[in-house]
Structures are given as C-alpha cells and as structure tokens.
Amino acid sequence: MLIRPVVILAETSLDITTCFITTQVQWQESTDALLTPNIINGLKKPSLIRTSKIATLSKSLVKGVLGRLTVTEIANLDTKLKLLLQIS
C-alpha cells in the first residue's frame, strides 16, 4: 500500500477526517492551500492541501506523523475550507 500524506481535520476514537495532500501543484484550484516545505510541516516539495478531497478513514491506516502545520498554514487552510464550503 502506498503511503500518502494528509491533513487531519477531525478525530474520533476510531476515525480521522482528512484532506489529501499532493505535490501536483500545477493543478492548483482556488480552494487548495499551497504549502511550502519547512522543518515544521516536514514536506520535501511544494504541495497542495486539496480541500475538495475530504475523506474519513480508519485510524488504523495512520502510519505516523510527518509534521505539523504552522499557524499561518492553518489560517490559510481555514480560509480555503470556508471558500469550498461557502461559509462566511
């Protein structure tokens, strides 16, 4: 099974709700949040949080922690999720 990075949006005792992350930045949509690699997020390449790719997965699929989002990245993700969900 191929391991893919995600951003965890919510967590319950059994599941996590996630947004997928991709390095295919050339396909950026208005609701995608751009991430620049840094020590905190642990990414190796510029990446996109694909807010339109939300999935709830079993916690058993989690293989580890790559990194964390900075306060600025979280604020940008929040803005992009509100845009996607049309929440003001």
C-alpha atoms as a PDB file:
ATOM      1  CA  MET A   1       0.000   0.000   0.000  1.00  0.00           C
ATOM      2  CA  LEU A   2       1.307   3.438  -0.968  1.00  0.00           C
ATOM      3  CA  ILE A   3       1.684   5.879   1.933  1.00  0.00           C
ATOM      4  CA  ARG A   4       0.165   9.326   1.269  1.00  0.00           C
ATOM      5  CA  PRO A   5       0.283  12.480   3.394  1.00  0.00           C
ATOM      6  CA  VAL A   6      -2.937  14.025   4.687  1.00  0.00           C
ATOM      7  CA  VAL A   7      -4.001  16.859   6.954  1.00  0.00           C
ATOM      8  CA  ILE A   8      -6.169  15.667   9.829  1.00  0.00           C
ATOM      9  CA  LEU A   9      -9.208  17.923  10.206  1.00  0.00           C
ATOM     10  CA  ALA A  10     -11.027  15.975  12.930  1.00  0.00           C
ATOM     11  CA  GLU A  11     -10.529  12.881  15.035  1.00  0.00           C
ATOM     12  CA  THR A  12     -12.842  10.473  16.848  1.00  0.00           C
ATOM     13  CA  SER A  13     -11.964   7.372  18.833  1.00  0.00           C
ATOM     14  CA  LEU A  14     -11.957   5.229  15.659  1.00  0.00           C
ATOM     15  CA  ASP A  15     -11.639   7.558  12.667  1.00  0.00           C
ATOM     16  CA  ILE A  16      -9.913  10.625  11.269  1.00  0.00           C
ATOM     17  CA  THR A  17     -11.363  13.095   8.774  1.00  0.00           C
ATOM     18  CA  THR A  18      -8.693  14.273   6.371  1.00  0.00           C
ATOM     19  CA  CYS A  19      -7.791  16.387   3.358  1.00  0.00           C
ATOM     20  CA  PHE A  20      -5.362  14.826   0.926  1.00  0.00           C
ATOM     21  CA  ILE A  21      -2.014  16.456   0.125  1.00  0.00           C
ATOM     22  CA  THR A  22      -0.440  16.355  -3.353  1.00  0.00           C
ATOM     23  CA  THR A  23       2.784  17.597  -4.924  1.00  0.00           C
ATOM     24  CA  GLN A  24       0.958  18.214  -8.213  1.00  0.00           C
ATOM     25  CA  VAL A  25       0.941  21.993  -7.697  1.00  0.00           C
ATOM     26  CA  GLN A  26       0.353  22.660 -11.396  1.00  0.00           C
ATOM     27  CA  TRP A  27      -3.268  21.547 -10.850  1.00  0.00           C
ATOM     28  CA  GLN A  28      -3.977  24.088  -8.074  1.00  0.00           C
ATOM     29  CA  GLU A  29      -7.618  25.098  -7.665  1.00  0.00           C
ATOM     30  CA  SER A  30      -8.887  28.191  -5.860  1.00  0.00           C
ATOM     31  CA  THR A  31      -9.825  26.081  -2.824  1.00  0.00           C
ATOM     32  CA  ASP A  32      -6.415  24.377  -2.500  1.00  0.00           C
ATOM     33  CA  ALA A  33      -3.963  25.594   0.151  1.00  0.00           C
ATOM     34  CA  LEU A  34      -0.346  25.837  -1.000  1.00  0.00           C
ATOM     35  CA  LEU A  35       2.319  24.527   1.377  1.00  0.00           C
ATOM     36  CA  THR A  36       5.994  25.429   1.142  1.00  0.00           C
ATOM     37  CA  PRO A  37       8.358  22.804   2.589  1.00  0.00           C
ATOM     38  CA  ASN A  38       9.748  23.663   6.017  1.00  0.00           C
ATOM     39  CA  ILE A  39      11.068  21.939   9.123  1.00  0.00           C
ATOM     40  CA  ILE A  40       7.694  22.152  10.884  1.00  0.00           C
ATOM     41  CA  ASN A  41       5.495  20.576   8.172  1.00  0.00           C
ATOM     42  CA  GLY A  42       8.140  18.023   7.179  1.00  0.00           C
ATOM     43  CA  LEU A  43       7.386  18.252   3.461  1.00  0.00           C
ATOM     44  CA  LYS A  44      10.152  17.819   0.887  1.00  0.00           C
ATOM     45  CA  LYS A  45       8.407  19.527  -2.061  1.00  0.00           C
ATOM     46  CA  PRO A  46       5.868  22.328  -2.547  1.00  0.00           C
ATOM     47  CA  SER A  47       2.451  20.735  -2.033  1.00  0.00           C
ATOM     48  CA  LEU A  48      -1.261  21.435  -2.071  1.00  0.00           C
ATOM     49  CA  ILE A  49      -3.844  20.614   0.568  1.00  0.00           C
ATOM     50  CA  ARG A  50      -6.764  19.509  -1.604  1.00  0.00           C
ATOM     51  CA  THR A  51      -9.738  20.726   0.444  1.00  0.00           C
ATOM     52  CA  SER A  52     -12.109  19.214  -2.115  1.00  0.00           C
ATOM     53  CA  LYS A  53     -10.626  15.778  -1.339  1.00  0.00           C
ATOM     54  CA  ILE A  54     -12.060  15.132   2.122  1.00  0.00           C
ATOM     55  CA  ALA A  55     -12.211  11.558   3.413  1.00  0.00           C
ATOM     56  CA  THR A  56     -12.941   9.831   6.695  1.00  0.00           C
ATOM     57  CA  LEU A  57     -10.505   6.990   7.307  1.00  0.00           C
ATOM     58  CA  SER A  58      -9.855   4.418   9.982  1.00  0.00           C
ATOM     59  CA  LYS A  59      -7.162   5.465  12.447  1.00  0.00           C
ATOM     60  CA  SER A  60      -5.532   2.097  11.805  1.00  0.00           C
ATOM     61  CA  LEU A  61      -4.382   3.447   8.415  1.00  0.00           C
ATOM     62  CA  VAL A  62      -2.237   6.156  10.050  1.00  0.00           C
ATOM     63  CA  LYS A  63       1.449   5.224   9.836  1.00  0.00           C
ATOM     64  CA  GLY A  64       2.975   8.193  11.636  1.00  0.00           C
ATOM     65  CA  VAL A  65       3.340  11.952  11.840  1.00  0.00           C
ATOM     66  CA  LEU A  66       5.234  13.750   9.071  1.00  0.00           C
ATOM     67  CA  GLY A  67       4.938  17.203  10.611  1.00  0.00           C
ATOM     68  CA  ARG A  68       2.537  19.912  11.696  1.00  0.00           C
ATOM     69  CA  LEU A  69       1.049  22.979  10.058  1.00  0.00           C
ATOM     70  CA  THR A  70       2.205  26.415  11.143  1.00  0.00           C
ATOM     71  CA  VAL A  71      -0.303  28.957  12.455  1.00  0.00           C
ATOM     72  CA  THR A  72      -0.186  30.711   9.068  1.00  0.00           C
ATOM     73  CA  GLU A  73      -0.786  27.441   7.186  1.00  0.00           C
ATOM     74  CA  ILE A  74      -3.738  26.621   9.453  1.00  0.00           C
ATOM     75  CA  ALA A  75      -5.246  30.070   8.850  1.00  0.00           C
ATOM     76  CA  ASN A  76      -4.847  29.617   5.079  1.00  0.00           C
ATOM     77  CA  LEU A  77      -6.421  26.142   5.263  1.00  0.00           C
ATOM     78  CA  ASP A  78      -9.318  27.587   7.280  1.00  0.00           C
ATOM     79  CA  THR A  79      -9.886  30.255   4.605  1.00  0.00           C
ATOM     80  CA  LYS A  80      -9.800  27.678   1.796  1.00  0.00           C
ATOM     81  CA  LEU A  81     -12.228  25.336   3.608  1.00  0.00           C
ATOM     82  CA  LYS A  82     -14.662  28.223   4.153  1.00  0.00           C
ATOM     83  CA  LEU A  83     -14.395  29.078   0.452  1.00  0.00           C
ATOM     84  CA  LEU A  84     -15.048  25.459  -0.540  1.00  0.00           C
ATOM     85  CA  LEU A  85     -17.990  25.044   1.836  1.00  0.00           C
ATOM     86  CA  GLN A  86     -19.297  28.561   1.139  1.00  0.00           C
ATOM     87  CA  ILE A  87     -19.178  29.522   4.802  1.00  0.00           C
ATOM     88  CA  SER A  88     -18.565  33.162   5.694  1.00  0.00           C
END
